[in-house]
Amino acid sequence: QVQLAESGGGLVQAGGSLRLSCAASGRTFSRYSMGWFRQAPGKEREFVAHISWIAGTTYYADSVKGRFTISRDNAKNTLYLQMNSLKPQDTAVYYCAACGFGTICLPKALNGYDYWGQGTQVTVSS
């Protein structure tokens, strides 16, 4: 089992940057693939980015490709999301999630993720 806790959200102007962190408990973090999702008010939770536990392969939603970077530090049990060139439409609660312990999982499938954090608010002003 793994517990996740996001941090690093806040208020930023359009064009600015933020780095989100997701601290994971437990010794098995390195064997989970990890994802970032977001949910804006009145909208469904959507996929943002994913990094596999094997080889660190990354996947991104088209809306964030080229602006966001997902990474992980297994020694620190921490997942990151570097967000650059932020836009007002990036405003949402951002969640990290873990899936596929020791195996693969579908990056964009919400129901494939076993553990979720509590979320951190990101607000981008125009």
N, C-alpha and C. Protein backbone atom coordinates (compact mmCIF):
# COMPACT_ATOMS: atom_id res chain seq x y z
N GLN A 1 0.85 -1.19 0.00
CA GLN A 1 0.00 0.00 0.00
C GLN A 1 0.89 1.24 0.00
N VAL A 2 0.38 2.32 -0.58
CA VAL A 2 1.13 3.56 -0.63
C VAL A 2 0.20 4.72 -0.34
N GLN A 3 0.67 5.68 0.42
CA GLN A 3 -0.07 6.91 0.68
C GLN A 3 0.60 8.06 -0.04
N LEU A 4 -0.22 8.94 -0.61
CA LEU A 4 0.28 10.02 -1.45
C LEU A 4 -0.16 11.37 -0.92
N ALA A 5 0.73 12.35 -0.99
CA ALA A 5 0.41 13.69 -0.52
C ALA A 5 1.01 14.72 -1.46
N GLU A 6 0.13 15.50 -2.11
CA GLU A 6 0.59 16.52 -3.04
C GLU A 6 0.90 17.83 -2.32
N SER A 7 1.77 18.62 -2.91
CA SER A 7 2.08 19.96 -2.43
C SER A 7 2.59 20.78 -3.59
N GLY A 8 2.69 22.10 -3.37
CA GLY A 8 3.26 22.98 -4.38
C GLY A 8 2.26 23.77 -5.19
N GLY A 9 0.97 23.56 -4.95
CA GLY A 9 -0.02 24.35 -5.66
C GLY A 9 -0.04 25.79 -5.18
N GLY A 10 -0.80 26.62 -5.90
CA GLY A 10 -0.90 28.01 -5.51
C GLY A 10 -1.50 28.86 -6.61
N LEU A 11 -1.36 30.17 -6.44
CA LEU A 11 -1.87 31.15 -7.40
C LEU A 11 -0.70 31.70 -8.20
N VAL A 12 -0.84 31.69 -9.50
CA VAL A 12 0.23 32.17 -10.39
C VAL A 12 -0.40 32.89 -11.57
N GLN A 13 0.32 33.85 -12.12
CA GLN A 13 -0.18 34.56 -13.29
C GLN A 13 0.05 33.73 -14.55
N ALA A 14 -0.76 33.98 -15.55
CA ALA A 14 -0.59 33.30 -16.83
C ALA A 14 0.83 33.51 -17.34
N GLY A 15 1.40 32.43 -17.87
CA GLY A 15 2.78 32.48 -18.33
C GLY A 15 3.79 32.06 -17.29
N GLY A 16 3.35 31.95 -16.05
CA GLY A 16 4.24 31.58 -14.96
C GLY A 16 4.44 30.08 -14.84
N SER A 17 5.15 29.69 -13.79
CA SER A 17 5.50 28.29 -13.58
C SER A 17 5.20 27.87 -12.14
N LEU A 18 4.95 26.59 -11.97
CA LEU A 18 4.82 25.96 -10.66
C LEU A 18 5.40 24.57 -10.77
N ARG A 19 5.89 24.06 -9.63
CA ARG A 19 6.30 22.66 -9.56
C ARG A 19 5.52 21.98 -8.45
N LEU A 20 4.76 20.98 -8.84
CA LEU A 20 4.03 20.18 -7.88
C LEU A 20 4.89 18.99 -7.45
N SER A 21 4.72 18.62 -6.19
CA SER A 21 5.38 17.44 -5.67
C SER A 21 4.34 16.49 -5.10
N CYS A 22 4.66 15.22 -5.13
CA CYS A 22 3.80 14.19 -4.57
C CYS A 22 4.69 13.25 -3.76
N ALA A 23 4.58 13.34 -2.45
CA ALA A 23 5.38 12.50 -1.57
C ALA A 23 4.65 11.19 -1.31
N ALA A 24 5.37 10.09 -1.47
CA ALA A 24 4.78 8.77 -1.30
C ALA A 24 5.38 8.08 -0.08
N SER A 25 4.53 7.41 0.66
CA SER A 25 5.01 6.61 1.78
C SER A 25 5.31 5.20 1.30
N GLY A 26 6.02 4.44 2.09
CA GLY A 26 6.28 3.05 1.75
C GLY A 26 7.56 2.86 0.96
N ARG A 27 8.04 1.63 0.95
CA ARG A 27 9.30 1.33 0.29
C ARG A 27 9.12 0.87 -1.14
N THR A 28 7.85 0.80 -1.61
CA THR A 28 7.61 0.21 -2.92
C THR A 28 7.29 1.24 -3.99
N PHE A 29 7.53 2.51 -3.70
CA PHE A 29 7.20 3.58 -4.65
C PHE A 29 7.81 3.31 -6.02
N SER A 30 9.03 2.81 -6.04
CA SER A 30 9.75 2.65 -7.31
C SER A 30 9.09 1.65 -8.24
N ARG A 31 8.21 0.80 -7.71
CA ARG A 31 7.58 -0.21 -8.55
C ARG A 31 6.16 0.16 -8.96
N TYR A 32 5.76 1.40 -8.68
CA TYR A 32 4.48 1.90 -9.16
C TYR A 32 4.70 2.84 -10.33
N SER A 33 3.85 2.69 -11.33
CA SER A 33 3.74 3.77 -12.31
C SER A 33 2.90 4.87 -11.68
N MET A 34 3.17 6.11 -12.06
CA MET A 34 2.54 7.25 -11.41
C MET A 34 1.90 8.19 -12.43
N GLY A 35 0.84 8.82 -12.01
CA GLY A 35 0.17 9.76 -12.89
C GLY A 35 -0.24 11.03 -12.19
N TRP A 36 -0.43 12.06 -12.98
CA TRP A 36 -1.03 13.31 -12.54
C TRP A 36 -2.35 13.49 -13.28
N PHE A 37 -3.37 13.87 -12.53
CA PHE A 37 -4.68 14.17 -13.09
C PHE A 37 -5.11 15.53 -12.55
N ARG A 38 -6.13 16.10 -13.16
CA ARG A 38 -6.66 17.37 -12.65
C ARG A 38 -8.16 17.42 -12.83
N GLN A 39 -8.79 18.23 -11.99
CA GLN A 39 -10.23 18.38 -12.07
C GLN A 39 -10.59 19.84 -11.83
N ALA A 40 -11.19 20.44 -12.86
CA ALA A 40 -11.66 21.81 -12.77
C ALA A 40 -13.10 21.81 -12.28
N PRO A 41 -13.57 22.91 -11.70
CA PRO A 41 -14.94 22.97 -11.21
C PRO A 41 -15.95 22.63 -12.30
N GLY A 42 -16.86 21.73 -11.98
CA GLY A 42 -17.91 21.36 -12.92
C GLY A 42 -17.47 20.44 -14.03
N LYS A 43 -16.23 19.99 -13.99
CA LYS A 43 -15.72 19.10 -15.04
C LYS A 43 -15.26 17.77 -14.46
N GLU A 44 -15.11 16.79 -15.33
CA GLU A 44 -14.62 15.49 -14.90
C GLU A 44 -13.10 15.53 -14.70
N ARG A 45 -12.65 14.63 -13.87
CA ARG A 45 -11.20 14.50 -13.67
C ARG A 45 -10.57 14.03 -14.96
N GLU A 46 -9.45 14.65 -15.34
CA GLU A 46 -8.83 14.32 -16.61
C GLU A 46 -7.35 14.01 -16.43
N PHE A 47 -6.84 13.21 -17.33
CA PHE A 47 -5.45 12.81 -17.36
C PHE A 47 -4.55 13.99 -17.73
N VAL A 48 -3.41 14.09 -17.06
CA VAL A 48 -2.43 15.12 -17.37
C VAL A 48 -1.12 14.51 -17.84
N ALA A 49 -0.56 13.61 -17.02
CA ALA A 49 0.74 13.04 -17.36
C ALA A 49 0.93 11.73 -16.61
N HIS A 50 1.84 10.89 -17.13
CA HIS A 50 2.10 9.56 -16.56
C HIS A 50 3.57 9.23 -16.75
N ILE A 51 4.12 8.55 -15.75
CA ILE A 51 5.48 8.05 -15.88
C ILE A 51 5.51 6.61 -15.41
N SER A 52 6.04 5.73 -16.23
CA SER A 52 6.03 4.31 -15.90
C SER A 52 7.16 3.99 -14.93
N TRP A 53 6.98 2.86 -14.22
CA TRP A 53 8.04 2.47 -13.28
C TRP A 53 9.19 1.80 -14.01
N ILE A 54 8.88 1.25 -15.21
CA ILE A 54 9.91 0.63 -16.03
C ILE A 54 10.44 1.67 -17.00
N ALA A 55 11.68 2.00 -16.92
CA ALA A 55 12.37 2.88 -17.88
C ALA A 55 11.91 4.33 -17.80
N GLY A 56 10.95 4.65 -16.94
CA GLY A 56 10.53 6.03 -16.80
C GLY A 56 9.88 6.61 -18.04
N THR A 57 9.22 5.78 -18.83
CA THR A 57 8.54 6.26 -20.03
C THR A 57 7.44 7.23 -19.63
N THR A 58 7.34 8.33 -20.37
CA THR A 58 6.35 9.36 -20.03
C THR A 58 5.29 9.52 -21.11
N TYR A 59 4.12 9.95 -20.67
CA TYR A 59 2.99 10.22 -21.56
C TYR A 59 2.34 11.52 -21.08
N TYR A 60 1.81 12.29 -22.03
CA TYR A 60 1.19 13.57 -21.69
C TYR A 60 -0.12 13.75 -22.44
N ALA A 61 -1.01 14.49 -21.80
CA ALA A 61 -2.20 14.95 -22.51
C ALA A 61 -1.77 15.97 -23.54
N ASP A 62 -2.47 16.02 -24.65
CA ASP A 62 -2.11 16.96 -25.71
C ASP A 62 -2.13 18.40 -25.21
N SER A 63 -3.03 18.67 -24.28
CA SER A 63 -3.20 20.05 -23.80
C SER A 63 -2.00 20.56 -23.00
N VAL A 64 -1.15 19.65 -22.51
CA VAL A 64 -0.02 20.09 -21.69
C VAL A 64 1.33 19.72 -22.32
N LYS A 65 1.30 18.99 -23.41
CA LYS A 65 2.54 18.55 -24.04
C LYS A 65 3.40 19.75 -24.42
N GLY A 66 4.67 19.69 -24.07
CA GLY A 66 5.58 20.78 -24.36
C GLY A 66 5.63 21.85 -23.28
N ARG A 67 4.69 21.82 -22.34
CA ARG A 67 4.66 22.79 -21.25
C ARG A 67 4.90 22.15 -19.89
N PHE A 68 4.41 20.92 -19.71
CA PHE A 68 4.53 20.22 -18.43
C PHE A 68 5.55 19.10 -18.57
N THR A 69 6.24 18.80 -17.47
CA THR A 69 7.19 17.69 -17.43
C THR A 69 6.97 16.89 -16.16
N ILE A 70 6.74 15.60 -16.31
CA ILE A 70 6.61 14.71 -15.17
C ILE A 70 7.95 14.03 -14.93
N SER A 71 8.29 13.86 -13.66
CA SER A 71 9.54 13.18 -13.32
C SER A 71 9.36 12.54 -11.95
N ARG A 72 10.33 11.69 -11.60
CA ARG A 72 10.26 11.02 -10.32
C ARG A 72 11.66 10.85 -9.75
N ASP A 73 11.74 10.85 -8.44
CA ASP A 73 12.99 10.58 -7.74
C ASP A 73 12.69 9.42 -6.79
N ASN A 74 13.05 8.22 -7.20
CA ASN A 74 12.73 7.04 -6.40
C ASN A 74 13.47 7.02 -5.07
N ALA A 75 14.64 7.63 -5.03
CA ALA A 75 15.39 7.67 -3.77
C ALA A 75 14.68 8.53 -2.73
N LYS A 76 13.91 9.51 -3.21
CA LYS A 76 13.17 10.40 -2.31
C LYS A 76 11.69 10.05 -2.23
N ASN A 77 11.28 8.98 -2.92
CA ASN A 77 9.86 8.60 -2.95
C ASN A 77 8.97 9.77 -3.35
N THR A 78 9.39 10.49 -4.38
CA THR A 78 8.67 11.70 -4.75
C THR A 78 8.45 11.78 -6.26
N LEU A 79 7.26 12.20 -6.60
CA LEU A 79 6.85 12.44 -7.99
C LEU A 79 6.73 13.96 -8.16
N TYR A 80 7.08 14.43 -9.35
CA TYR A 80 7.03 15.87 -9.63
C TYR A 80 6.24 16.15 -10.90
N LEU A 81 5.71 17.38 -10.95
CA LEU A 81 5.13 17.89 -12.19
C LEU A 81 5.58 19.33 -12.34
N GLN A 82 6.50 19.56 -13.26
CA GLN A 82 6.94 20.92 -13.56
C GLN A 82 5.99 21.50 -14.59
N MET A 83 5.38 22.63 -14.25
CA MET A 83 4.38 23.24 -15.12
C MET A 83 4.88 24.63 -15.53
N ASN A 84 5.11 24.79 -16.82
CA ASN A 84 5.58 26.07 -17.38
C ASN A 84 4.52 26.65 -18.32
N SER A 85 4.67 27.92 -18.62
CA SER A 85 3.75 28.60 -19.54
C SER A 85 2.30 28.33 -19.17
N LEU A 86 1.99 28.50 -17.91
CA LEU A 86 0.65 28.18 -17.43
C LEU A 86 -0.41 29.08 -18.03
N LYS A 87 -1.57 28.50 -18.23
CA LYS A 87 -2.72 29.19 -18.83
C LYS A 87 -3.89 29.17 -17.85
N PRO A 88 -4.81 30.11 -17.96
CA PRO A 88 -5.98 30.08 -17.07
C PRO A 88 -6.73 28.76 -17.13
N GLN A 89 -6.74 28.11 -18.28
CA GLN A 89 -7.45 26.83 -18.41
C GLN A 89 -6.74 25.69 -17.71
N ASP A 90 -5.55 25.94 -17.17
CA ASP A 90 -4.87 24.93 -16.35
C ASP A 90 -5.36 24.95 -14.91
N THR A 91 -6.20 25.92 -14.57
CA THR A 91 -6.73 26.02 -13.21
C THR A 91 -7.55 24.78 -12.86
N ALA A 92 -7.18 24.13 -11.76
CA ALA A 92 -7.83 22.89 -11.35
C ALA A 92 -7.21 22.41 -10.04
N VAL A 93 -7.84 21.41 -9.47
CA VAL A 93 -7.20 20.65 -8.39
C VAL A 93 -6.40 19.54 -9.06
N TYR A 94 -5.14 19.43 -8.70
CA TYR A 94 -4.24 18.45 -9.28
C TYR A 94 -4.04 17.29 -8.30
N TYR A 95 -4.15 16.07 -8.83
CA TYR A 95 -4.02 14.87 -8.03
C TYR A 95 -2.89 14.00 -8.58
N CYS A 96 -2.15 13.38 -7.68
CA CYS A 96 -1.23 12.33 -8.10
C CYS A 96 -1.86 10.99 -7.76
N ALA A 97 -1.46 9.97 -8.50
CA ALA A 97 -2.04 8.65 -8.33
C ALA A 97 -1.01 7.59 -8.69
N ALA A 98 -1.18 6.41 -8.10
CA ALA A 98 -0.27 5.30 -8.33
C ALA A 98 -1.04 4.12 -8.92
N CYS A 99 -0.39 3.41 -9.85
CA CYS A 99 -1.04 2.26 -10.48
C CYS A 99 -0.01 1.20 -10.83
N GLY A 100 -0.53 0.00 -11.03
CA GLY A 100 0.26 -1.06 -11.65
C GLY A 100 1.47 -1.51 -10.90
N PHE A 101 1.31 -1.85 -9.62
CA PHE A 101 2.47 -2.29 -8.85
C PHE A 101 3.15 -3.48 -9.53
N GLY A 102 4.38 -3.26 -9.95
CA GLY A 102 5.16 -4.33 -10.56
C GLY A 102 4.67 -4.77 -11.91
N THR A 103 3.72 -4.03 -12.48
CA THR A 103 3.19 -4.39 -13.79
C THR A 103 2.87 -3.11 -14.54
N ILE A 104 2.25 -3.26 -15.69
CA ILE A 104 1.92 -2.07 -16.47
C ILE A 104 0.47 -1.67 -16.19
N CYS A 105 0.16 -0.42 -16.49
CA CYS A 105 -1.21 0.05 -16.41
C CYS A 105 -1.43 1.05 -17.54
N LEU A 106 -2.69 1.25 -17.88
CA LEU A 106 -3.02 2.19 -18.94
C LEU A 106 -2.88 3.60 -18.41
N PRO A 107 -2.04 4.43 -19.02
CA PRO A 107 -1.74 5.75 -18.46
C PRO A 107 -2.96 6.64 -18.23
N LYS A 108 -3.95 6.59 -19.14
CA LYS A 108 -5.04 7.54 -19.06
C LYS A 108 -6.29 7.02 -18.36
N ALA A 109 -6.25 5.77 -17.94
CA ALA A 109 -7.44 5.15 -17.36
C ALA A 109 -7.52 5.42 -15.86
N LEU A 110 -8.44 6.30 -15.47
CA LEU A 110 -8.58 6.67 -14.05
C LEU A 110 -8.83 5.45 -13.18
N ASN A 111 -9.68 4.54 -13.65
CA ASN A 111 -10.03 3.41 -12.80
C ASN A 111 -8.90 2.40 -12.67
N GLY A 112 -7.81 2.61 -13.38
CA GLY A 112 -6.66 1.73 -13.24
C GLY A 112 -5.70 2.14 -12.13
N TYR A 113 -5.94 3.28 -11.55
CA TYR A 113 -5.07 3.79 -10.49
C TYR A 113 -5.61 3.34 -9.13
N ASP A 114 -4.70 2.80 -8.32
CA ASP A 114 -5.12 2.19 -7.06
C ASP A 114 -5.13 3.18 -5.90
N TYR A 115 -4.24 4.17 -5.93
CA TYR A 115 -4.09 5.08 -4.81
C TYR A 115 -4.05 6.52 -5.32
N TRP A 116 -4.69 7.40 -4.55
CA TRP A 116 -4.81 8.81 -4.92
C TRP A 116 -4.42 9.70 -3.74
N GLY A 117 -3.86 10.86 -4.06
CA GLY A 117 -3.62 11.86 -3.06
C GLY A 117 -4.87 12.72 -2.85
N GLN A 118 -4.75 13.69 -1.96
CA GLN A 118 -5.90 14.53 -1.62
C GLN A 118 -6.07 15.72 -2.55
N GLY A 119 -5.06 15.99 -3.35
CA GLY A 119 -5.13 17.07 -4.33
C GLY A 119 -4.53 18.38 -3.84
N THR A 120 -4.08 19.19 -4.79
CA THR A 120 -3.56 20.52 -4.49
C THR A 120 -4.10 21.50 -5.53
N GLN A 121 -4.54 22.66 -5.08
CA GLN A 121 -5.19 23.62 -5.95
C GLN A 121 -4.15 24.43 -6.72
N VAL A 122 -4.37 24.52 -8.02
CA VAL A 122 -3.58 25.40 -8.89
C VAL A 122 -4.52 26.40 -9.53
N THR A 123 -4.25 27.68 -9.34
CA THR A 123 -5.07 28.73 -9.92
C THR A 123 -4.19 29.64 -10.76
N VAL A 124 -4.56 29.80 -12.02
CA VAL A 124 -3.81 30.63 -12.96
C VAL A 124 -4.66 31.83 -13.33
N SER A 125 -4.19 33.00 -13.00
CA SER A 125 -4.94 34.22 -13.29
C SER A 125 -4.53 34.80 -14.63
N SER A 126 -5.47 35.43 -15.29
CA SER A 126 -5.19 36.00 -16.62
C SER A 126 -4.69 37.43 -16.51
